[in-house]
Every structure is written in C-alpha cells, then in structure tokens.
C-alpha cells in the first residue's frame, strides 16, 4: 500500500479538493512546481526575461569578441543562402513555388549554426539589444555599439563566403550565375518603401525564430523552433540585411551589379529589419509581459 499523498503524486487526475486539509493546501502547488521543472520549454514571460539577459550579456562583449562571432554569423548565414541557391538552381521551372520552398527548407542552417555554435547576428541583436534597453538594463549607446561592430563583422563574413566560395570556386557563377543575378537584382531593384516593409516582415519572423530558440531547453526543440519561421521568411521572399550581404556582392563580384545599386537597398532593409526586430518582437513582448528587474536578474 501507499499513502494518499504519494497516490496523488502518481495520479494527478484525482481531485485534490477531496483530500484532508493538510494535503489539499500543499499538493497542488507541489504538483505544479514538479510539472514546471520537467517541462522542456520556458513560458513566454520567461522567454522575455531570457531575451533581456541575452541583451545584457551581449552589451558586455569586447570588440574582438563581437568581430569574431560576428564574422562567424555572417559566414553561417551566407552558407545557408549558398546551400539554398544550389538546391533551387537546377529544379524544373514548372515546379514553381515548390522549388522555392525546398530552398527555403535548407536556408535555416545559417541561423541554427549561429545560435547553437555561437555567433553575433545583427538581425537577432535587433531584438535582444533593444529589449534589454527597454528594460533599462543597458544604455542606448550599448545598443548602437553592438549593432555597429556586428554589422561590420557580419558584412566581412558574408563577403568572405561570396568571394572565396562564390567567386573563386564558382559556386555563385557559371551554372549558378543566372539564378544568383536574378535573386540579387530582384532585391536591389525593389524601391525603398517596398524593401523597408519587406525588411520588417523578414526580421519579425527571424526574431520570432530566436524567441522560440529561447523557449526550448533542448537542442532539438531549438532547431525546430528556429526552422519554420526562417523557412517562412525565405519562402515568402522577405529581405534580410545579412543574407543580402552575401547574394548582392556575389552578383557584384560577377560584374552584374554595382555597389552604388546595393547601397540604397542596404539602408532600406537595415531600417526595416530594425523595426521588425525591435518593435514587432522586442517592444511588443516587453509591453505585454513587463518582466521585472528581479526576475531578469535570476533568469538564466
């Protein structure tokens, strides 16, 4: 035989209100705590706390750290785009949007590598840094400092993949040139407003992918959480400032576009990504959950 108390723990469907007074005041709280401890994900409010703590941690990173991890993240995103390009390049034209979906399905490897292996990605930091600022845990200067150095590092990492893999090895030229130029031209020839709005949509989804990565406590959950929002933005065709740092220079290195054509696109997409991450994810969830300073300090 076993006690009523142990029986309740083993059979949570039994109504605890029918138990004697010493039990019905304590067992529900214990059961709830046990369930929370064994869950493989954080609640949305806990995610907000983790995002703020991530922003605080990033604000303390040294410049060499930001440059190294920023280079890695830029290279990871470029590699994901390169893989996407190679998947869709030889697909039959009559496959239509399904071919684009297949390419979008492999693109998330870039963000997965960035989050799990370690990297500083501008678009993700457009959410984590502002939300820490909204919580008054870091200064506005810390946000701009991080964005400045990470932008430079992401650009260098993306250019390295575009030059060495894309141009020197011919992975964005030769048989792949037509598709490379088509994608890059569509991006740079979008007018400022359309590129800006596209940037908002993109980083809304990318930062939600990062948000879901915070949600999970295990690697598989993080991968699935990131995979689908990133796949969605690529399949839709939204513009990502770091991804563009790869595909547009790849077309430039092939002599098909110019840096002057690229600059307006960079500005528009950068601003759109900033709004998508900082406002539509960071500010929205900060206002919704209002995580306290004490809770943020203990969230790990």
Protein backbone atom coordinates (compact mmCIF):
# COMPACT_ATOMS: atom_id res chain seq x y z
CA UNK A 1 0.00 0.00 0.00
CA UNK A 2 0.95 3.62 -0.39
CA UNK A 3 -0.12 6.82 1.27
CA UNK A 4 -2.74 9.21 -0.08
CA UNK A 5 -0.03 11.80 -0.63
CA UNK A 6 2.10 9.53 -2.86
CA UNK A 7 -1.05 8.32 -4.64
CA UNK A 8 -1.94 11.89 -5.57
CA UNK A 9 1.51 12.48 -6.99
CA UNK A 10 1.20 9.37 -9.14
CA UNK A 11 -2.38 10.10 -10.22
CA UNK A 12 -2.78 13.83 -10.89
CA UNK A 13 -6.31 13.36 -12.27
CA UNK A 14 -7.66 12.66 -8.77
CA UNK A 15 -9.30 15.78 -7.36
CA UNK A 16 -7.12 17.11 -4.60
CA UNK A 17 -10.00 19.12 -3.11
CA UNK A 18 -11.45 15.92 -1.65
CA UNK A 19 -8.33 15.21 0.38
CA UNK A 20 -7.91 16.06 4.06
CA UNK A 21 -6.95 19.65 4.88
CA UNK A 22 -3.20 19.05 5.36
CA UNK A 23 -2.99 17.79 1.79
CA UNK A 24 -5.36 19.95 -0.21
CA UNK A 25 -3.43 23.11 0.65
CA UNK A 26 0.01 21.83 -0.31
CA UNK A 27 -0.19 19.19 -3.02
CA UNK A 28 -1.44 21.39 -5.91
CA UNK A 29 1.48 23.81 -5.54
CA UNK A 30 3.94 20.93 -5.35
CA UNK A 31 2.42 19.24 -8.36
CA UNK A 32 2.54 22.43 -10.38
CA UNK A 33 6.18 23.03 -9.47
CA UNK A 34 7.07 19.46 -10.38
CA UNK A 35 5.39 19.83 -13.76
CA UNK A 36 7.19 23.11 -14.45
CA UNK A 37 10.54 21.60 -13.54
CA UNK A 38 10.08 18.75 -16.00
CA UNK A 39 8.77 20.85 -18.91
CA UNK A 40 11.17 21.22 -21.85
CA UNK A 41 10.27 24.83 -22.57
CA UNK A 42 10.03 28.24 -20.97
CA UNK A 43 6.84 30.27 -20.77
CA UNK A 44 6.55 33.40 -22.94
CA UNK A 45 7.18 35.61 -19.91
CA UNK A 46 10.31 33.62 -19.07
CA UNK A 47 11.46 33.99 -22.68
CA UNK A 48 11.20 37.76 -22.31
CA UNK A 49 13.43 37.55 -19.25
CA UNK A 50 15.96 35.39 -21.10
CA UNK A 51 15.98 37.76 -24.09
CA UNK A 52 16.72 40.70 -21.81
CA UNK A 53 19.51 38.81 -20.09
CA UNK A 54 20.95 37.91 -23.51
CA UNK A 55 20.97 41.59 -24.43
CA UNK A 56 22.79 42.46 -21.22
CA UNK A 57 25.39 39.77 -21.88
CA UNK A 58 25.91 40.93 -25.47
CA UNK A 59 26.36 44.53 -24.30
CA UNK A 60 29.37 43.44 -22.23
CA UNK A 61 31.14 41.61 -25.07
CA UNK A 62 34.51 43.03 -26.10
CA UNK A 63 35.09 44.36 -29.61
CA UNK A 64 37.34 41.40 -30.60
CA UNK A 65 34.62 39.01 -29.41
CA UNK A 66 31.96 40.86 -31.42
CA UNK A 67 34.17 40.83 -34.52
CA UNK A 68 35.00 37.13 -34.29
CA UNK A 69 31.46 35.97 -33.52
CA UNK A 70 30.02 38.48 -35.99
CA UNK A 71 32.27 37.14 -38.75
CA UNK A 72 31.13 33.60 -37.95
CA UNK A 73 27.44 34.55 -38.04
CA UNK A 74 27.82 36.37 -41.36
CA UNK A 75 29.58 33.34 -42.83
CA UNK A 76 26.92 30.98 -41.44
CA UNK A 77 24.03 32.95 -42.96
CA UNK A 78 25.89 33.19 -46.28
CA UNK A 79 26.49 29.43 -46.23
CA UNK A 80 22.79 28.83 -45.68
CA UNK A 81 21.99 31.07 -48.65
CA UNK A 82 24.62 29.30 -50.77
CA UNK A 83 23.01 25.96 -49.93
CA UNK A 84 19.59 27.39 -50.83
CA UNK A 85 20.97 28.58 -54.19
CA UNK A 86 22.42 25.18 -55.00
CA UNK A 87 19.18 23.38 -54.16
CA UNK A 88 16.91 25.57 -56.31
CA UNK A 89 19.27 26.20 -59.23
CA UNK A 90 18.62 23.01 -61.22
CA UNK A 91 14.99 22.42 -60.26
CA UNK A 92 12.49 22.35 -63.15
CA UNK A 93 10.80 25.69 -63.79
CA UNK A 94 7.35 24.11 -63.71
CA UNK A 95 7.85 23.24 -60.06
CA UNK A 96 7.09 26.89 -59.35
CA UNK A 97 6.92 27.94 -55.72
CA UNK A 98 7.51 24.38 -54.52
CA UNK A 99 11.11 24.70 -55.68
CA UNK A 100 11.43 27.88 -53.64
CA UNK A 101 10.03 26.05 -50.64
CA UNK A 102 12.72 23.38 -50.96
CA UNK A 103 15.42 26.03 -50.98
CA UNK A 104 13.81 27.79 -48.03
CA UNK A 105 13.80 24.49 -46.14
CA UNK A 106 17.61 24.34 -46.08
CA UNK A 107 18.29 28.05 -45.52
CA UNK A 108 17.72 27.85 -41.70
CA UNK A 109 21.04 26.04 -41.24
CA UNK A 110 22.63 29.50 -41.05
CA UNK A 111 20.64 30.64 -38.02
CA UNK A 112 20.89 27.21 -36.40
CA UNK A 113 24.69 27.38 -36.59
CA UNK A 114 24.66 30.95 -35.29
CA UNK A 115 22.53 30.19 -32.23
CA UNK A 116 23.86 26.75 -31.31
CA UNK A 117 27.53 27.04 -32.31
CA UNK A 118 27.80 30.69 -31.28
CA UNK A 119 27.62 33.88 -33.28
CA UNK A 120 26.63 37.54 -33.18
CA UNK A 121 23.95 38.16 -35.81
CA UNK A 122 22.79 41.71 -36.46
CA UNK A 123 19.15 40.82 -37.10
CA UNK A 124 18.82 38.79 -33.90
CA UNK A 125 20.55 41.54 -31.95
CA UNK A 126 17.96 43.97 -33.32
CA UNK A 127 15.60 42.28 -30.86
CA UNK A 128 17.74 41.27 -27.88
CA UNK A 129 19.60 44.56 -27.53
CA UNK A 130 16.55 46.87 -27.67
CA UNK A 131 14.51 44.71 -25.30
CA UNK A 132 17.32 44.98 -22.73
CA UNK A 133 17.29 48.76 -23.31
CA UNK A 134 13.50 48.90 -22.85
CA UNK A 135 14.03 47.14 -19.51
CA UNK A 136 16.61 49.80 -18.57
CA UNK A 137 19.33 47.19 -18.19
CA UNK A 138 21.66 48.70 -20.81
CA UNK A 139 22.19 52.10 -22.40
CA UNK A 140 21.22 53.24 -25.87
CA UNK A 141 24.90 53.63 -26.63
CA UNK A 142 25.44 49.93 -25.84
CA UNK A 143 22.78 49.04 -28.42
CA UNK A 144 24.41 51.18 -31.12
CA UNK A 145 27.89 49.93 -30.21
CA UNK A 146 26.84 46.33 -30.63
CA UNK A 147 24.99 46.97 -33.90
CA UNK A 148 27.93 48.89 -35.37
CA UNK A 149 30.59 46.26 -34.76
CA UNK A 150 28.32 43.31 -35.54
CA UNK A 151 27.24 44.92 -38.82
CA UNK A 152 30.86 45.26 -39.89
CA UNK A 153 31.71 41.72 -38.82
CA UNK A 154 28.63 40.20 -40.48
CA UNK A 155 29.49 42.03 -43.69
CA UNK A 156 33.07 40.73 -43.68
CA UNK A 157 31.92 37.16 -43.01
CA UNK A 158 29.32 37.30 -45.78
CA UNK A 159 31.80 38.85 -48.22
CA UNK A 160 34.32 36.10 -47.45
CA UNK A 161 31.83 33.41 -48.48
CA UNK A 162 30.75 35.38 -51.55
CA UNK A 163 34.34 35.92 -52.69
CA UNK A 164 36.11 32.67 -51.81
CA UNK A 165 33.27 30.17 -52.27
CA UNK A 166 31.05 32.07 -54.66
CA UNK A 167 33.55 33.82 -56.94
CA UNK A 168 36.82 31.92 -56.66
CA UNK A 169 35.24 28.45 -56.58
CA UNK A 170 32.47 29.49 -58.96
CA UNK A 171 29.64 28.44 -56.64
CA UNK A 172 27.59 31.54 -57.47
CA UNK A 173 28.80 31.86 -61.06
CA UNK A 174 28.94 29.54 -64.07
CA UNK A 175 25.82 27.38 -63.97
CA UNK A 176 24.61 29.30 -60.92
CA UNK A 177 25.11 32.84 -62.26
CA UNK A 178 21.67 33.27 -63.78
CA UNK A 179 19.92 32.40 -60.53
CA UNK A 180 22.37 34.48 -58.46
CA UNK A 181 21.80 37.57 -60.58
CA UNK A 182 18.03 37.05 -60.67
CA UNK A 183 17.79 36.91 -56.88
CA UNK A 184 20.19 39.83 -56.30
CA UNK A 185 18.59 42.02 -58.96
CA UNK A 186 15.11 41.49 -57.53
CA UNK A 187 16.39 42.70 -54.17
CA UNK A 188 18.31 45.80 -55.26
CA UNK A 189 15.69 46.92 -57.78
CA UNK A 190 12.89 46.99 -55.20
CA UNK A 191 12.06 50.60 -54.33
CA UNK A 192 12.95 51.95 -50.88
CA UNK A 193 9.48 51.59 -49.35
CA UNK A 194 8.96 48.04 -50.56
CA UNK A 195 12.43 46.99 -49.38
CA UNK A 196 11.78 48.64 -46.00
CA UNK A 197 8.45 46.86 -45.48
CA UNK A 198 9.93 43.59 -46.68
CA UNK A 199 12.68 44.05 -44.10
CA UNK A 200 10.08 44.45 -41.35
CA UNK A 201 8.37 41.20 -42.32
CA UNK A 202 11.66 39.37 -42.52
CA UNK A 203 13.01 40.27 -39.12
CA UNK A 204 9.64 39.86 -37.44
CA UNK A 205 9.94 36.19 -38.41
CA UNK A 206 13.70 35.88 -37.79
CA UNK A 207 13.41 37.35 -34.30
CA UNK A 208 10.45 35.10 -33.58
CA UNK A 209 12.76 32.23 -34.55
CA UNK A 210 15.31 33.47 -32.00
CA UNK A 211 12.48 33.93 -29.48
CA UNK A 212 11.43 30.29 -29.97
CA UNK A 213 15.04 29.20 -29.59
CA UNK A 214 14.98 30.81 -26.14
CA UNK A 215 11.76 28.92 -25.43
CA UNK A 216 13.24 25.45 -25.68
CA UNK A 217 15.60 23.87 -23.16
CA UNK A 218 16.93 21.19 -25.54
CA UNK A 219 18.78 21.23 -28.86
CA UNK A 220 16.07 19.52 -30.92
CA UNK A 221 13.44 21.94 -29.68
CA UNK A 222 15.64 24.91 -30.51
CA UNK A 223 16.23 23.60 -34.04
CA UNK A 224 12.53 23.09 -34.72
CA UNK A 225 11.68 26.44 -33.14
CA UNK A 226 14.06 28.28 -35.45
CA UNK A 227 13.46 26.23 -38.58
CA UNK A 228 9.91 27.14 -39.53
CA UNK A 229 9.92 30.95 -39.06
CA UNK A 230 13.16 31.23 -41.05
CA UNK A 231 11.85 28.91 -43.74
CA UNK A 232 8.72 31.06 -43.89
CA UNK A 233 10.55 34.36 -44.47
CA UNK A 234 12.70 32.82 -47.23
CA UNK A 235 9.75 31.15 -48.96
CA UNK A 236 7.77 34.40 -48.83
CA UNK A 237 10.71 36.37 -50.23
CA UNK A 238 11.29 38.92 -47.47
CA UNK A 239 14.62 40.76 -47.38
CA UNK A 240 17.27 40.02 -44.74
CA UNK A 241 20.09 42.54 -44.46
CA UNK A 242 22.78 39.96 -43.64
CA UNK A 243 21.63 37.49 -46.30
CA UNK A 244 21.76 40.35 -48.81
CA UNK A 245 25.37 40.94 -47.75
CA UNK A 246 26.11 37.64 -49.47
CA UNK A 247 23.89 37.42 -52.54
CA UNK A 248 24.25 41.01 -53.78
CA UNK A 249 28.09 41.13 -53.51
CA UNK A 250 28.16 37.71 -55.23
CA UNK A 251 26.44 39.34 -58.21
CA UNK A 252 28.75 42.35 -57.94
CA UNK A 253 31.85 40.12 -57.98
CA UNK A 254 30.45 38.56 -61.15
CA UNK A 255 30.27 42.02 -62.74
CA UNK A 256 26.46 42.08 -62.92
CA UNK A 257 25.62 44.74 -60.33
CA UNK A 258 27.38 47.70 -58.68
CA UNK A 259 27.97 48.86 -55.12
CA UNK A 260 26.02 52.05 -55.90
CA UNK A 261 22.95 49.94 -56.71
CA UNK A 262 23.39 47.99 -53.47
CA UNK A 263 23.66 50.92 -51.02
CA UNK A 264 20.00 52.10 -51.08
CA UNK A 265 18.86 48.51 -50.61
CA UNK A 266 21.21 48.06 -47.64
CA UNK A 267 19.83 51.16 -45.91
CA UNK A 268 16.18 50.30 -46.53
CA UNK A 269 16.47 46.67 -45.43
CA UNK A 270 18.62 47.57 -42.42
CA UNK A 271 15.98 50.00 -41.20
CA UNK A 272 13.14 47.58 -41.92
CA UNK A 273 14.89 44.75 -40.10
CA UNK A 274 15.46 47.09 -37.16
CA UNK A 275 11.77 47.91 -36.91
CA UNK A 276 10.74 44.28 -37.32
CA UNK A 277 13.04 43.08 -34.55
CA UNK A 278 12.98 45.96 -32.09
CA UNK A 279 9.31 46.95 -32.36
CA UNK A 280 7.28 43.97 -33.58
CA UNK A 281 9.04 41.47 -31.31
CA UNK A 282 11.16 43.22 -28.67
CA UNK A 283 8.85 46.09 -27.74
CA UNK A 284 5.65 44.10 -28.25
CA UNK A 285 6.62 41.35 -25.84
CA UNK A 286 8.23 43.74 -23.39
CA UNK A 287 4.98 45.71 -23.14
CA UNK A 288 2.97 42.50 -22.91
CA UNK A 289 4.95 40.87 -20.10
CA UNK A 290 6.78 43.75 -18.36
CA UNK A 291 9.46 41.45 -16.88
CA UNK A 292 10.69 42.76 -13.54
CA UNK A 293 14.33 43.58 -12.91
CA UNK A 294 14.47 40.96 -10.19
CA UNK A 295 13.11 38.24 -12.47
CA UNK A 296 15.50 39.21 -15.24
CA UNK A 297 18.44 39.08 -12.89
CA UNK A 298 17.67 35.49 -11.92
CA UNK A 299 16.74 34.18 -15.41
CA UNK A 300 19.46 32.02 -16.85
